[in-house]
Amino acid sequence: MFAASPAKDEVLARYEKAVALTEELRLPEKDSESLRAKIREAGESLMVNDLANASDLLDESMVALEVIRRDDVKKGSADFRLEWLETYLNVFRWFAVIALLGFLFERWPFYGKMLEGNRLSLRGKVLLGLIASAVSVLLAVFDLSRYGESSWMFFDVQLVLVTAVSLYGGLVTGLLSGLLVAAFRYFLKADDLVYPLLALGAGITGGFFSLWERDFRRYARRAFVAGTLTGLGHGICVYGPSADSVSAGYLVFAVAFLALLEGTGVYLFAAVISGVLREKARRRLQYDFLKTRLLLLHSQLRPHFLFNTLNTIAAVCGNGDASAGERLVLRLSDFLRHTFDRKESSVTLKQEMSFVDAYLEIESARFGGRLKVVRDLRVSEAAWGRFIPILVIQPLVENAVKHGVSKKPEGGTITIRLTEEARVLKCEIIDDGPGRDEQYFKELFAGKAAADDVGIGVRNIHERLVQLHGKGRGLSYESAPGKGTRVRFEIPFGEREENP
């Protein structure tokens, strides 16, 4: 052996670097045959101390290797971007699948009626749990849930679905679907209990959130929170083990991003259902509103109503009180004009009370001393010009006359009380008639009692007030057999309410 010169040491180091880089790049034999031949020739030149030739060959080889490495970096970056683009496209595909499942769930007649009633039967809850777990398995079979070595690593559709259905079916559905999905996961990966337990936790989370809200039309926001909590647990389990090898910022971002995606998935499921239910409620409300107007027209135009009114006018005129008869004719004209001419869904308080006064003046003339009316009106001058929904006071007053005072041979008293507090109109209508079981009104508002000619109008007013002004602003009844009836409601004053 001979002692290596500094020049030879330098060339030898470059040769070793070229060989290492060739191995690092893992160049295919057929594509790099000429390059490998140059590096081998450089090695042979080193063996015979032809340093100049070896250096030239290595210069050419390193230039070629650097070009290949830059191309690989660019290709790797492009591949990375394409992989993320594919991942995002998959997320949108999953969102579409989840939204479709929510729509099909609501449109299924078996569940549609129960969803409108804000309550699933025990049979419905059990069946929902079985269906949700079966669909989860099918999603895995069709590779929509990323199983295999990368299983449950990004946007777990099964967790989203289990959380979503348990919001509607409660703990029964949550435990059933969670256990079945957990069993399926354990069958796939028996050596890892974390992900089966996540499925069970998703069912419990959704089940607990279902206890705090009973109106399925208002589930979307609650669904997002429940889904985000489920996703948070999922993200911690996925990215937590790598906490030592990544920065804290990346870890927080990864967990939060996954949680928001899965929260959005549960939100979409609930938002589709809520949207359809609200649209159904709006259409039903419009239908009931029209039906109420038809019933009102019928009550006003039915023969005996007109005959009684005309007979009353004739009797008043027959007694020589022509001015009173003329006033009743004008009142009847005002009453019918209000019914026929009103196309808007809101009127001023003054217009609504004028309608009430016209009705009561006609009925007072017919009932004589049997009908007493007490008006307790404590509102400001400005309040009379503010808008309220049409047909909210008069139908309730009419109910008090027809089903309260007129049922007692000796007649009775109706009290209309209006007060104003912080731009909120508070209304009470009280009669001392025979009363009615208070449970009837509770069942009527919950959709459990059939609506008769009285109930349709009452329920319509209640639902319109709730839709326009929020939960807690509907009708409130106090009634009992033999003790009369009191109905209350509140209306925030507005410029105009255009919706029925």
Protein backbone atom coordinates (compact mmCIF):
# COMPACT_ATOMS: atom_id res chain seq x y z
CA MET A 1 0.00 0.00 0.00
CA PHE A 2 1.06 3.57 -0.53
CA ALA A 3 0.54 6.66 1.51
CA ALA A 4 -2.35 8.73 0.23
CA SER A 5 -1.57 12.27 -0.80
CA PRO A 6 -3.88 15.15 0.25
CA ALA A 7 -5.08 15.43 -3.37
CA LYS A 8 -5.90 11.75 -3.45
CA ASP A 9 -7.69 12.00 -0.06
CA GLU A 10 -9.87 14.77 -1.50
CA VAL A 11 -10.71 12.77 -4.62
CA LEU A 12 -11.38 9.68 -2.50
CA ALA A 13 -13.82 11.64 -0.27
CA ARG A 14 -15.67 12.86 -3.37
CA TYR A 15 -15.82 9.30 -4.68
CA GLU A 16 -17.32 8.05 -1.39
CA LYS A 17 -19.86 10.91 -1.45
CA ALA A 18 -20.88 10.02 -5.01
CA VAL A 19 -21.37 6.36 -4.09
CA ALA A 20 -23.39 7.29 -0.97
CA LEU A 21 -25.56 9.72 -2.92
CA THR A 22 -26.21 7.09 -5.57
CA GLU A 23 -27.43 4.68 -2.89
CA GLU A 24 -29.47 7.41 -1.16
CA LEU A 25 -31.30 8.28 -4.34
CA ARG A 26 -31.96 4.60 -5.03
CA LEU A 27 -31.57 5.06 -8.74
CA PRO A 28 -33.02 2.28 -10.92
CA GLU A 29 -30.30 0.19 -12.59
CA LYS A 30 -31.59 0.67 -16.14
CA ASP A 31 -32.00 4.47 -15.75
CA SER A 32 -28.58 5.07 -14.13
CA GLU A 33 -26.37 2.55 -15.91
CA SER A 34 -24.12 5.18 -17.56
CA LEU A 35 -23.87 7.18 -14.31
CA ARG A 36 -22.90 4.13 -12.30
CA ALA A 37 -20.36 3.20 -15.00
CA LYS A 38 -18.69 6.62 -14.62
CA ILE A 39 -18.48 6.22 -10.85
CA ARG A 40 -17.00 2.74 -11.22
CA GLU A 41 -14.47 4.09 -13.77
CA ALA A 42 -13.54 6.84 -11.32
CA GLY A 43 -12.91 4.20 -8.67
CA GLU A 44 -10.68 2.25 -11.07
CA SER A 45 -8.74 5.41 -11.87
CA LEU A 46 -8.20 5.97 -8.16
CA MET A 47 -6.78 2.47 -7.88
CA VAL A 48 -4.10 3.28 -10.47
CA ASN A 49 -3.51 6.78 -9.10
CA ASP A 50 -4.99 8.49 -12.20
CA LEU A 51 -6.35 11.30 -10.02
CA ALA A 52 -7.01 13.74 -12.85
CA ASN A 53 -9.27 11.32 -14.75
CA ALA A 54 -10.99 10.23 -11.52
CA SER A 55 -11.63 13.90 -10.58
CA ASP A 56 -13.13 14.69 -14.00
CA LEU A 57 -15.38 11.64 -13.90
CA LEU A 58 -16.55 12.49 -10.39
CA ASP A 59 -17.25 16.11 -11.41
CA GLU A 60 -19.53 14.89 -14.19
CA SER A 61 -21.17 12.31 -11.89
CA MET A 62 -21.84 14.81 -9.08
CA VAL A 63 -23.41 17.29 -11.51
CA ALA A 64 -25.74 14.55 -12.75
CA LEU A 65 -26.54 13.40 -9.20
CA GLU A 66 -27.35 16.95 -8.05
CA VAL A 67 -29.71 17.39 -11.00
CA ILE A 68 -31.44 14.10 -10.11
CA ARG A 69 -31.69 15.09 -6.44
CA ARG A 70 -33.25 18.50 -7.26
CA ASP A 71 -35.73 16.80 -9.55
CA ASP A 72 -36.61 14.34 -6.78
CA VAL A 73 -37.16 17.17 -4.31
CA LYS A 74 -39.48 18.93 -6.75
CA LYS A 75 -41.27 15.67 -7.50
CA GLY A 76 -41.57 14.90 -3.81
CA SER A 77 -43.00 18.34 -3.10
CA ALA A 78 -45.48 17.98 -5.95
CA ASP A 79 -46.44 14.50 -4.76
CA PHE A 80 -46.93 15.86 -1.25
CA ARG A 81 -49.24 18.62 -2.53
CA LEU A 82 -51.17 16.12 -4.61
CA GLU A 83 -51.60 13.84 -1.61
CA TRP A 84 -53.03 16.70 0.47
CA LEU A 85 -55.28 17.77 -2.39
CA GLU A 86 -56.56 14.21 -2.61
CA THR A 87 -57.11 14.19 1.15
CA TYR A 88 -59.15 17.40 1.03
CA LEU A 89 -61.19 16.09 -1.88
CA ASN A 90 -61.88 12.97 0.16
CA VAL A 91 -63.03 15.12 3.07
CA PHE A 92 -65.51 16.91 0.80
CA ARG A 93 -66.67 13.51 -0.45
CA TRP A 94 -67.22 12.39 3.13
CA PHE A 95 -69.10 15.61 3.86
CA ALA A 96 -71.38 14.88 0.90
CA VAL A 97 -71.96 11.31 2.12
CA ILE A 98 -72.78 12.54 5.64
CA ALA A 99 -75.20 15.20 4.37
CA LEU A 100 -76.91 12.60 2.17
CA LEU A 101 -77.27 10.22 5.10
CA GLY A 102 -78.86 12.99 7.18
CA PHE A 103 -81.30 13.77 4.38
CA LEU A 104 -82.26 10.10 3.90
CA PHE A 105 -82.71 9.70 7.66
CA GLU A 106 -85.18 12.59 7.83
CA ARG A 107 -87.02 11.56 4.66
CA TRP A 108 -87.61 8.02 5.87
CA PRO A 109 -91.33 8.08 6.83
CA PHE A 110 -90.73 5.89 9.89
CA TYR A 111 -88.36 8.50 11.35
CA GLY A 112 -89.79 11.60 9.68
CA LYS A 113 -92.89 11.68 11.90
CA MET A 114 -90.86 11.04 15.04
CA LEU A 115 -88.36 13.77 14.16
CA GLU A 116 -91.20 16.24 13.66
CA GLY A 117 -92.49 15.25 17.10
CA ASN A 118 -88.99 15.70 18.63
CA ARG A 119 -88.98 12.22 20.11
CA LEU A 120 -87.85 8.78 18.93
CA SER A 121 -89.55 5.65 20.22
CA LEU A 122 -87.48 2.92 21.89
CA ARG A 123 -87.85 0.81 18.77
CA GLY A 124 -86.69 3.73 16.66
CA LYS A 125 -83.65 4.29 18.88
CA VAL A 126 -82.58 0.64 18.75
CA LEU A 127 -83.13 0.43 14.99
CA LEU A 128 -81.16 3.65 14.48
CA GLY A 129 -78.22 2.22 16.42
CA LEU A 130 -78.24 -0.96 14.33
CA ILE A 131 -78.51 0.95 11.05
CA ALA A 132 -75.73 3.40 11.98
CA SER A 133 -73.33 0.59 12.88
CA ALA A 134 -74.19 -1.31 9.68
CA VAL A 135 -73.59 1.80 7.56
CA SER A 136 -70.28 2.37 9.36
CA VAL A 137 -69.14 -1.14 8.42
CA LEU A 138 -70.19 -0.58 4.80
CA LEU A 139 -68.26 2.70 4.68
CA ALA A 140 -65.18 0.79 5.82
CA VAL A 141 -65.73 -1.91 3.21
CA PHE A 142 -65.93 0.70 0.47
CA ASP A 143 -62.76 2.35 1.82
CA LEU A 144 -64.41 5.57 2.95
CA SER A 145 -62.91 5.36 6.44
CA ARG A 146 -59.15 4.94 5.76
CA TYR A 147 -58.49 1.54 7.24
CA GLY A 148 -55.24 -0.44 7.13
CA GLU A 149 -51.95 0.91 8.45
CA SER A 150 -53.30 4.46 8.28
CA SER A 151 -56.61 3.57 9.87
CA TRP A 152 -58.41 6.22 11.93
CA MET A 153 -55.60 8.68 11.34
CA PHE A 154 -57.58 11.42 9.60
CA PHE A 155 -61.29 12.30 9.58
CA ASP A 156 -62.94 9.23 11.04
CA VAL A 157 -66.34 8.90 9.35
CA GLN A 158 -67.43 6.25 11.84
CA LEU A 159 -66.92 8.57 14.82
CA VAL A 160 -68.85 11.31 13.03
CA LEU A 161 -71.75 8.99 12.24
CA VAL A 162 -71.95 7.47 15.74
CA THR A 163 -71.90 10.93 17.35
CA ALA A 164 -74.54 12.25 14.95
CA VAL A 165 -77.10 9.46 15.39
CA SER A 166 -76.68 9.38 19.18
CA LEU A 167 -77.74 13.04 19.28
CA TYR A 168 -81.16 11.97 18.03
CA GLY A 169 -81.45 8.55 19.63
CA GLY A 170 -79.88 9.44 22.97
CA LEU A 171 -77.77 7.14 25.13
CA VAL A 172 -79.62 4.02 23.93
CA THR A 173 -78.57 4.64 20.32
CA GLY A 174 -75.15 5.95 21.34
CA LEU A 175 -74.24 2.91 23.46
CA LEU A 176 -75.60 0.42 20.92
CA SER A 177 -73.93 1.94 17.84
CA GLY A 178 -70.74 2.70 19.78
CA LEU A 179 -70.41 -0.87 21.07
CA LEU A 180 -71.07 -2.43 17.66
CA VAL A 181 -68.57 -0.17 15.89
CA ALA A 182 -66.06 -0.78 18.68
CA ALA A 183 -66.47 -4.54 18.21
CA PHE A 184 -65.87 -4.14 14.48
CA ARG A 185 -62.70 -2.14 15.11
CA TYR A 186 -61.46 -4.65 17.66
CA PHE A 187 -61.97 -7.41 15.09
CA LEU A 188 -59.80 -5.48 12.61
CA LYS A 189 -57.07 -4.48 15.09
CA ALA A 190 -57.28 -6.50 18.27
CA ASP A 191 -53.90 -5.22 19.47
CA ASP A 192 -55.12 -1.62 19.83
CA LEU A 193 -57.99 -0.81 22.21
CA VAL A 194 -57.78 2.97 21.87
CA TYR A 195 -59.77 3.25 18.65
CA PRO A 196 -62.58 0.87 19.67
CA LEU A 197 -62.94 2.88 22.88
CA LEU A 198 -63.09 6.10 20.85
CA ALA A 199 -66.15 4.76 19.02
CA LEU A 200 -67.86 4.00 22.32
CA GLY A 201 -66.90 7.45 23.63
CA ALA A 202 -68.42 9.09 20.55
CA GLY A 203 -71.76 7.38 21.24
CA ILE A 204 -71.72 8.45 24.88
CA THR A 205 -70.80 12.05 23.98
CA GLY A 206 -73.65 12.41 21.50
CA GLY A 207 -76.04 10.70 23.92
CA PHE A 208 -75.28 13.14 26.72
CA PHE A 209 -75.65 16.16 24.44
CA SER A 210 -79.10 14.91 23.44
CA LEU A 211 -80.27 15.35 27.04
CA TRP A 212 -79.95 19.15 26.88
CA GLU A 213 -82.09 19.94 23.84
CA ARG A 214 -85.47 18.50 22.80
CA ASP A 215 -86.14 20.50 19.65
CA PHE A 216 -84.56 18.68 16.71
CA ARG A 217 -84.87 21.86 14.62
CA ARG A 218 -82.23 23.49 16.82
CA TYR A 219 -79.65 20.70 16.91
CA ALA A 220 -77.06 22.03 14.44
CA ARG A 221 -74.95 24.13 16.84
CA ARG A 222 -75.13 21.52 19.57
CA ALA A 223 -74.10 18.89 17.03
CA PHE A 224 -71.00 20.90 16.09
CA VAL A 225 -69.90 21.11 19.73
CA ALA A 226 -70.47 17.39 20.30
CA GLY A 227 -68.63 16.47 17.10
CA THR A 228 -65.72 18.77 17.93
CA LEU A 229 -65.33 17.16 21.37
CA THR A 230 -65.33 13.73 19.76
CA GLY A 231 -62.76 14.92 17.22
CA LEU A 232 -60.65 16.42 20.00
CA GLY A 233 -60.43 13.05 21.73
CA HIS A 234 -59.64 11.42 18.40
CA GLY A 235 -56.91 13.96 17.61
CA ILE A 236 -55.24 13.53 21.00
CA CYS A 237 -55.16 9.75 20.58
CA VAL A 238 -53.77 10.03 17.04
CA TYR A 239 -51.15 12.74 17.48
CA GLY A 240 -50.43 12.50 21.21
CA PRO A 241 -47.86 9.67 20.89
CA SER A 242 -45.74 11.82 18.53
CA ALA A 243 -45.58 14.76 20.96
CA ASP A 244 -41.85 14.24 21.60
CA SER A 245 -40.93 14.30 17.92
CA VAL A 246 -42.92 17.34 16.69
CA SER A 247 -43.25 20.94 17.78
CA ALA A 248 -46.00 21.97 20.17
CA GLY A 249 -47.47 24.34 17.57
CA TYR A 250 -47.79 21.60 14.98
CA LEU A 251 -49.34 19.25 17.54
CA VAL A 252 -51.98 21.80 18.60
CA PHE A 253 -52.78 22.64 14.98
CA ALA A 254 -53.12 18.98 13.96
CA VAL A 255 -55.42 18.12 16.88
CA ALA A 256 -57.55 21.25 16.47
CA PHE A 257 -57.84 20.84 12.71
CA LEU A 258 -58.98 17.24 13.01
CA ALA A 259 -61.48 18.19 15.74
CA LEU A 260 -62.96 20.99 13.60
CA LEU A 261 -63.29 18.72 10.57
CA GLU A 262 -65.15 16.05 12.51
CA GLY A 263 -67.25 18.68 14.28
CA THR A 264 -68.20 20.04 10.86
CA GLY A 265 -69.16 16.53 9.74
CA VAL A 266 -71.59 16.07 12.65
CA TYR A 267 -72.87 19.61 12.09
CA LEU A 268 -73.69 18.84 8.44
CA PHE A 269 -75.69 15.76 9.42
CA ALA A 270 -77.75 17.76 11.93
CA ALA A 271 -77.97 20.90 9.77
CA VAL A 272 -79.59 18.99 6.91
CA ILE A 273 -82.17 17.48 9.26
CA SER A 274 -82.80 20.81 11.03
CA GLY A 275 -83.22 22.62 7.73
CA VAL A 276 -85.77 20.12 6.41
CA LEU A 277 -87.69 20.13 9.71
CA ARG A 278 -87.81 23.93 9.80
CA GLU A 279 -89.05 24.04 6.22
CA LYS A 280 -91.76 21.50 7.05
CA ALA A 281 -92.76 23.52 10.11
CA ARG A 282 -92.89 26.71 8.03
CA ARG A 283 -95.11 25.09 5.42
CA ARG A 284 -97.36 23.57 8.07
CA LEU A 285 -97.58 26.95 9.76
CA GLN A 286 -98.55 28.62 6.50
CA TYR A 287 -101.15 25.93 5.90
CA ASP A 288 -102.57 26.31 9.40
CA PHE A 289 -102.57 30.07 9.01
CA LEU A 290 -104.59 29.85 5.81
CA LYS A 291 -106.87 27.29 7.41
CA THR A 292 -107.36 29.60 10.38
CA ARG A 293 -108.38 32.43 8.07
CA LEU A 294 -110.80 30.11 6.27
CA LEU A 295 -112.27 29.00 9.59
CA LEU A 296 -112.58 32.62 10.64
CA LEU A 297 -114.28 33.49 7.38
CA HIS A 298 -116.56 30.51 7.83
CA SER A 299 -117.45 31.54 11.36
CA GLN A 300 -118.13 35.07 10.21
CA LEU A 301 -120.10 34.15 7.11
CA ARG A 302 -121.93 31.04 8.28
CA PRO A 303 -125.68 31.66 8.02
CA HIS A 304 -126.58 31.65 11.68
CA PHE A 305 -123.82 34.17 12.48
CA LEU A 306 -125.14 36.58 9.88
CA PHE A 307 -128.76 35.82 10.77
CA ASN A 308 -128.09 36.41 14.46
CA THR A 309 -126.25 39.65 13.72
CA LEU A 310 -128.94 40.88 11.31
CA ASN A 311 -131.68 39.84 13.72
CA THR A 312 -129.92 41.77 16.44
CA ILE A 313 -129.71 44.82 14.20
CA ALA A 314 -133.41 44.42 13.28
CA ALA A 315 -134.36 44.14 16.96
CA VAL A 316 -132.39 47.26 17.83
CA CYS A 317 -134.02 49.17 14.99
CA GLY A 318 -137.44 47.76 15.95
CA ASN A 319 -137.01 49.22 19.40
CA GLY A 320 -136.66 52.60 17.81
CA ASP A 321 -132.91 52.95 18.32
CA ALA A 322 -131.97 53.69 14.72
CA SER A 323 -128.56 55.17 15.62
CA ALA A 324 -127.59 51.98 17.47
CA GLY A 325 -128.75 49.90 14.51
CA GLU A 326 -126.74 52.06 12.14
CA ARG A 327 -123.67 51.68 14.35
CA LEU A 328 -124.02 47.89 14.34
CA VAL A 329 -124.27 47.83 10.55
CA LEU A 330 -121.10 49.90 10.32
CA ARG A 331 -119.39 47.61 12.84
CA LEU A 332 -120.39 44.55 10.82
CA SER A 333 -119.05 46.28 7.70
CA ASP A 334 -115.74 47.09 9.42
CA PHE A 335 -115.49 43.54 10.70
CA LEU A 336 -116.01 41.96 7.28
CA ARG A 337 -113.71 44.51 5.60
CA HIS A 338 -110.92 43.63 8.03
CA THR A 339 -111.37 39.97 7.14
CA PHE A 340 -111.45 40.38 3.37
CA ASP A 341 -109.03 43.24 2.78
CA ARG A 342 -106.09 42.29 4.98
CA LYS A 343 -103.30 40.73 2.87
CA GLU A 344 -100.37 41.51 5.17
CA SER A 345 -99.19 39.22 7.94
CA SER A 346 -98.85 42.09 10.41
CA VAL A 347 -101.02 44.98 11.53
CA THR A 348 -100.69 47.77 14.05
CA LEU A 349 -101.91 47.17 17.57
CA LYS A 350 -104.60 49.76 16.95
CA GLN A 351 -105.88 47.90 13.88
CA GLU A 352 -105.99 44.56 15.69
CA MET A 353 -107.83 46.05 18.67
CA SER A 354 -110.26 47.82 16.32
CA PHE A 355 -111.06 44.40 14.88
CA VAL A 356 -111.55 43.08 18.43
CA ASP A 357 -113.82 45.99 19.34
CA ALA A 358 -115.96 45.48 16.22
CA TYR A 359 -116.40 41.82 17.06
CA LEU A 360 -117.20 42.48 20.73
CA GLU A 361 -119.69 45.25 19.93
CA ILE A 362 -121.62 42.88 17.65
CA GLU A 363 -121.56 40.09 20.24
CA SER A 364 -122.48 42.46 23.09
CA ALA A 365 -125.54 43.60 21.17
CA ARG A 366 -126.53 39.95 20.66
CA PHE A 367 -125.86 38.73 24.22
CA GLY A 368 -127.07 41.89 25.91
CA GLY A 369 -126.26 42.02 29.60
CA ARG A 370 -124.93 38.44 29.59
CA LEU A 371 -121.60 39.58 28.12
CA LYS A 372 -119.45 41.93 30.15
CA VAL A 373 -116.12 43.15 28.78
CA VAL A 374 -113.36 44.67 30.89
CA ARG A 375 -110.57 46.45 29.04
CA ASP A 376 -107.39 47.06 31.01
CA LEU A 377 -105.18 48.81 28.44
CA ARG A 378 -101.98 50.23 29.86
CA VAL A 379 -99.82 50.96 26.82
CA SER A 380 -98.19 54.12 25.51
CA GLU A 381 -99.50 56.18 22.61
CA ALA A 382 -96.55 55.05 20.49
CA ALA A 383 -97.44 51.39 21.10
CA TRP A 384 -100.73 51.70 19.21
CA GLY A 385 -98.83 52.38 15.98
CA ARG A 386 -96.41 49.48 16.33
CA PHE A 387 -96.81 46.25 14.41
CA ILE A 388 -97.83 42.85 15.74
CA PRO A 389 -98.72 39.62 13.87
CA ILE A 390 -102.25 39.65 12.50
CA LEU A 391 -104.99 37.53 14.09
CA VAL A 392 -103.38 36.91 17.48
CA ILE A 393 -105.79 38.73 19.80
CA GLN A 394 -109.20 38.53 18.07
CA PRO A 395 -109.32 34.70 17.71
CA LEU A 396 -108.48 34.33 21.41
CA VAL A 397 -111.21 36.81 22.35
CA GLU A 398 -113.63 34.93 20.11
CA ASN A 399 -112.73 31.65 21.84
CA ALA A 400 -113.40 33.30 25.21
CA VAL A 401 -116.89 34.33 24.03
CA LYS A 402 -117.87 31.12 22.23
CA HIS A 403 -116.39 28.59 24.65
CA GLY A 404 -116.46 30.62 27.82
CA VAL A 405 -119.22 33.17 28.38
CA SER A 406 -121.80 31.69 25.97
CA LYS A 407 -121.65 28.31 27.74
CA LYS A 408 -123.04 29.80 30.97
CA PRO A 409 -126.79 30.63 31.08
CA GLU A 410 -126.10 33.71 33.17
CA GLY A 411 -123.25 34.81 30.93
CA GLY A 412 -119.92 36.06 32.21
CA THR A 413 -117.03 38.48 31.94
CA ILE A 414 -114.11 38.73 29.55
CA THR A 415 -111.07 40.73 30.57
CA ILE A 416 -108.58 42.00 27.99
CA ARG A 417 -105.39 43.24 29.63
CA LEU A 418 -102.61 44.89 27.63
CA THR A 419 -99.43 46.17 29.27
CA GLU A 420 -96.15 47.42 27.85
CA GLU A 421 -92.72 46.78 29.28
CA ALA A 422 -89.43 47.64 27.54
CA ARG A 423 -90.99 47.55 24.04
CA VAL A 424 -92.65 44.23 24.80
CA LEU A 425 -96.45 43.93 24.61
CA LYS A 426 -97.90 41.66 27.28
CA CYS A 427 -101.40 40.42 26.64
CA GLU A 428 -103.84 38.51 28.88
CA ILE A 429 -107.35 37.35 27.95
CA ILE A 430 -109.38 36.00 30.84
CA ASP A 431 -112.88 34.53 30.95
CA ASP A 432 -114.90 33.09 33.83
CA GLY A 433 -116.51 30.38 31.71
CA PRO A 434 -116.61 26.61 32.35
CA GLY A 435 -112.89 26.18 31.65
CA ARG A 436 -111.10 23.22 30.14
CA ASP A 437 -108.51 20.67 31.19
CA GLU A 438 -105.14 22.43 31.03
CA GLN A 439 -103.48 19.24 29.81
CA TYR A 440 -105.35 19.62 26.51
CA PHE A 441 -103.40 22.76 25.65
CA LYS A 442 -100.05 21.19 26.58
CA GLU A 443 -100.74 18.22 24.34
CA LEU A 444 -102.04 20.50 21.60
CA PHE A 445 -98.82 22.57 21.53
CA ALA A 446 -96.71 19.40 21.64
CA GLY A 447 -98.55 18.00 18.61
CA LYS A 448 -100.06 15.11 20.59
CA ALA A 449 -103.68 16.30 20.62
CA ALA A 450 -105.86 16.54 17.53
CA ALA A 451 -106.74 20.12 16.66
CA ASP A 452 -110.47 20.93 16.36
CA ASP A 453 -111.87 24.23 15.07
CA VAL A 454 -110.63 25.85 18.29
CA GLY A 455 -107.31 24.02 18.48
CA ILE A 456 -106.19 24.83 14.93
CA GLY A 457 -106.38 28.56 15.55
CA VAL A 458 -104.83 28.35 19.00
CA ARG A 459 -101.94 26.16 17.84
CA ASN A 460 -101.38 28.38 14.81
CA ILE A 461 -101.09 31.48 17.00
CA HIS A 462 -98.74 29.66 19.38
CA GLU A 463 -96.44 28.39 16.63
CA ARG A 464 -96.40 31.73 14.81
CA LEU A 465 -95.34 33.52 17.99
CA VAL A 466 -92.63 30.94 18.69
CA GLN A 467 -91.31 31.09 15.14
CA LEU A 468 -91.32 34.89 15.01
CA HIS A 469 -90.07 35.69 18.51
CA GLY A 470 -88.42 32.55 19.90
CA LYS A 471 -89.09 29.80 22.38
CA GLY A 472 -90.93 30.98 25.49
CA ARG A 473 -92.92 33.61 23.58
CA GLY A 474 -95.83 31.33 22.66
CA LEU A 475 -99.23 31.02 24.32
CA SER A 476 -99.45 30.10 27.99
CA TYR A 477 -102.76 28.69 29.24
CA GLU A 478 -104.17 28.41 32.74
CA SER A 479 -107.49 26.58 32.78
CA ALA A 480 -109.45 24.08 34.82
CA PRO A 481 -113.04 22.78 34.70
CA GLY A 482 -115.32 25.24 36.48
CA LYS A 483 -112.60 27.86 36.98
CA GLY A 484 -112.44 29.70 33.68
CA THR A 485 -109.49 30.21 31.35
CA ARG A 486 -106.57 32.62 31.23
CA VAL A 487 -104.23 32.86 28.21
CA ARG A 488 -101.07 34.96 28.13
CA PHE A 489 -98.48 35.85 25.53
CA GLU A 490 -95.77 38.43 24.85
CA ILE A 491 -94.82 40.17 21.59
CA PRO A 492 -91.69 42.28 21.13
CA PHE A 493 -92.80 45.32 19.14
CA GLY A 494 -91.35 45.55 15.63
CA GLU A 495 -91.62 47.76 12.63
CA ARG A 496 -93.34 45.00 10.67
CA GLU A 497 -93.54 41.22 10.72
CA GLU A 498 -93.84 40.00 7.13
CA ASN A 499 -93.77 36.26 7.81
CA PRO A 500 -97.04 34.50 8.71
